[in-house]
């Protein structure tokens, strides 16, 4: 009886270890785009340049202690090329949607103010090359014009 118990315990242990290992690559759930994240900071872009596929989306996560401005600066005509949407509108409290989205500025460039943490919008792109600028904001939530900001690029193939 002891031999049978050890045999069964051994098989159960192996089955438990195999179940815990999981797949070696992350699984893609559903048919939505794969979200890749760019980490922003007062002096950080990680990665500064990224290449994605047309089925991928970009999200932003800020490590800065104050909001940052993210502005897509190239191409100059962005309509129909960049689509940014709130990932899960149900997570937003009433009145939060205006700050949680990218909106066109006076130059027609999509711009957002990204607070610390994960930004609730993601962007997808038509094939091409895109540039964006990240700037620190002053106390009135305006970009610091005397600082050029950091620039990054997104290539979509």
Protein backbone atom coordinates (compact mmCIF):
# COMPACT_ATOMS: atom_id res chain seq x y z
CA UNK A 1 0.00 0.00 0.00
CA UNK A 2 2.89 2.37 0.77
CA UNK A 3 4.34 1.82 -2.73
CA UNK A 4 1.03 2.68 -4.41
CA UNK A 5 0.69 5.89 -2.34
CA UNK A 6 4.21 7.02 -3.26
CA UNK A 7 3.53 6.29 -6.93
CA UNK A 8 0.29 8.29 -6.88
CA UNK A 9 1.88 11.15 -4.93
CA UNK A 10 4.75 11.29 -7.46
CA UNK A 11 2.35 11.53 -10.42
CA UNK A 12 0.26 14.19 -8.70
CA UNK A 13 3.40 16.23 -7.99
CA UNK A 14 4.49 16.04 -11.63
CA UNK A 15 1.02 17.03 -12.84
CA UNK A 16 0.96 20.00 -10.45
CA UNK A 17 4.40 21.21 -11.62
CA UNK A 18 3.43 20.88 -15.29
CA UNK A 19 0.25 22.87 -14.69
CA UNK A 20 2.17 25.69 -13.00
CA UNK A 21 4.67 26.19 -15.79
CA UNK A 22 2.19 27.62 -18.29
CA UNK A 23 3.10 28.65 -21.84
CA UNK A 24 6.54 30.12 -22.49
CA UNK A 25 5.09 33.09 -24.40
CA UNK A 26 2.23 35.31 -23.32
CA UNK A 27 -1.11 34.20 -24.66
CA UNK A 28 -3.15 36.57 -26.76
CA UNK A 29 -6.68 36.80 -25.48
CA UNK A 30 -9.47 37.65 -27.92
CA UNK A 31 -9.04 39.27 -31.30
CA UNK A 32 -8.12 42.79 -30.12
CA UNK A 33 -4.75 44.41 -30.74
CA UNK A 34 -1.67 43.49 -28.76
CA UNK A 35 -0.86 46.41 -26.43
CA UNK A 36 2.77 47.51 -26.21
CA UNK A 37 3.70 50.01 -23.53
CA UNK A 38 6.01 53.01 -23.68
CA UNK A 39 7.26 54.09 -20.25
CA UNK A 40 7.41 57.87 -19.84
CA UNK A 41 9.25 59.90 -17.23
CA UNK A 42 10.54 63.43 -16.74
CA UNK A 43 13.82 62.31 -18.35
CA UNK A 44 12.91 58.85 -19.65
CA UNK A 45 11.41 57.21 -22.74
CA UNK A 46 11.56 53.42 -22.75
CA UNK A 47 11.83 52.41 -25.51
CA UNK A 48 12.58 55.67 -27.33
CA UNK A 49 12.01 54.01 -30.72
CA UNK A 50 9.66 51.09 -31.29
CA UNK A 51 8.52 49.07 -34.29
CA UNK A 52 5.07 47.51 -34.19
CA UNK A 53 2.69 45.73 -36.52
CA UNK A 54 -0.58 47.14 -37.82
CA UNK A 55 -2.49 44.92 -35.37
CA UNK A 56 -0.61 46.32 -32.36
CA UNK A 57 -1.57 49.24 -30.13
CA UNK A 58 0.58 51.56 -28.04
CA UNK A 59 -0.17 52.49 -24.45
CA UNK A 60 1.66 54.92 -22.18
CA UNK A 61 2.66 54.48 -18.56
CA UNK A 62 4.17 57.42 -16.67
CA UNK A 63 6.69 57.18 -13.86
CA UNK A 64 6.85 60.98 -13.47
CA UNK A 65 5.50 62.57 -10.32
CA UNK A 66 3.55 65.19 -12.30
CA UNK A 67 1.50 65.01 -15.53
CA UNK A 68 3.37 65.04 -18.84
CA UNK A 69 2.20 66.22 -22.25
CA UNK A 70 2.45 63.70 -25.09
CA UNK A 71 2.06 65.17 -28.58
CA UNK A 72 2.29 63.28 -31.87
CA UNK A 73 4.34 65.69 -34.01
CA UNK A 74 4.80 63.66 -37.22
CA UNK A 75 3.18 63.20 -39.63
CA UNK A 76 1.66 66.66 -39.75
CA UNK A 77 -1.61 65.23 -41.16
CA UNK A 78 -2.75 62.68 -38.59
CA UNK A 79 -6.44 62.19 -39.38
CA UNK A 80 -7.08 58.59 -40.43
CA UNK A 81 -3.53 57.56 -39.54
CA UNK A 82 -3.61 57.59 -35.72
CA UNK A 83 -6.59 56.33 -33.74
CA UNK A 84 -6.56 56.75 -29.96
CA UNK A 85 -9.36 55.51 -27.72
CA UNK A 86 -10.05 54.95 -24.05
CA UNK A 87 -9.30 51.28 -23.44
CA UNK A 88 -12.09 50.63 -20.92
CA UNK A 89 -14.59 53.53 -20.55
CA UNK A 90 -16.30 51.67 -17.67
CA UNK A 91 -13.24 52.25 -15.48
CA UNK A 92 -13.53 56.03 -15.75
CA UNK A 93 -15.44 58.04 -13.19
CA UNK A 94 -17.97 60.61 -14.34
CA UNK A 95 -16.21 63.59 -15.94
CA UNK A 96 -12.84 61.83 -16.34
CA UNK A 97 -13.10 61.08 -20.07
CA UNK A 98 -11.84 64.49 -21.34
CA UNK A 99 -8.45 64.07 -19.64
CA UNK A 100 -8.22 60.37 -20.50
CA UNK A 101 -8.09 60.85 -24.28
CA UNK A 102 -5.86 62.22 -26.98
CA UNK A 103 -7.41 65.27 -28.64
CA UNK A 104 -6.29 67.41 -31.58
CA UNK A 105 -4.51 70.63 -30.58
CA UNK A 106 -4.51 73.89 -32.58
CA UNK A 107 -1.93 72.42 -35.00
CA UNK A 108 -4.09 69.30 -35.54
CA UNK A 109 -1.66 67.08 -33.60
CA UNK A 110 -3.09 64.51 -31.22
CA UNK A 111 -2.14 65.56 -27.69
CA UNK A 112 -2.82 64.23 -24.19
CA UNK A 113 -1.86 65.07 -20.63
CA UNK A 114 -0.64 61.84 -19.08
CA UNK A 115 -0.87 61.67 -15.28
CA UNK A 116 1.37 59.36 -13.20
CA UNK A 117 0.57 55.69 -13.76
CA UNK A 118 -1.06 53.86 -16.66
CA UNK A 119 -2.81 56.14 -19.16
CA UNK A 120 -6.28 54.77 -19.99
CA UNK A 121 -6.06 55.32 -23.78
CA UNK A 122 -4.25 53.28 -26.39
CA UNK A 123 -3.38 54.27 -29.94
CA UNK A 124 -3.27 52.27 -33.14
CA UNK A 125 -1.63 53.38 -36.36
CA UNK A 126 -1.70 52.97 -40.13
CA UNK A 127 1.60 51.78 -41.62
CA UNK A 128 4.24 54.51 -41.57
CA UNK A 129 6.60 56.45 -39.32
CA UNK A 130 5.40 58.55 -36.39
CA UNK A 131 7.18 60.89 -34.00
CA UNK A 132 5.99 62.11 -30.63
CA UNK A 133 7.25 64.57 -28.05
CA UNK A 134 6.97 64.32 -24.27
CA UNK A 135 7.16 67.54 -22.27
CA UNK A 136 6.98 68.40 -18.60
CA UNK A 137 4.16 70.74 -17.56
CA UNK A 138 4.28 73.84 -15.38
CA UNK A 139 1.95 74.45 -12.43
CA UNK A 140 -0.78 75.75 -14.77
CA UNK A 141 -0.70 72.46 -16.73
CA UNK A 142 0.98 74.07 -19.72
CA UNK A 143 4.01 72.57 -21.46
CA UNK A 144 7.32 74.13 -20.49
CA UNK A 145 8.16 75.87 -23.76
CA UNK A 146 11.76 76.57 -22.73
CA UNK A 147 12.37 72.81 -22.63
CA UNK A 148 12.31 71.00 -25.95
CA UNK A 149 11.16 67.74 -24.42
CA UNK A 150 12.09 64.22 -25.35
CA UNK A 151 11.25 62.76 -28.74
CA UNK A 152 10.46 59.18 -29.59
CA UNK A 153 9.39 57.36 -32.72
CA UNK A 154 6.99 54.61 -33.68
CA UNK A 155 7.39 52.67 -36.92
CA UNK A 156 4.41 50.63 -38.08
CA UNK A 157 4.95 47.82 -40.58
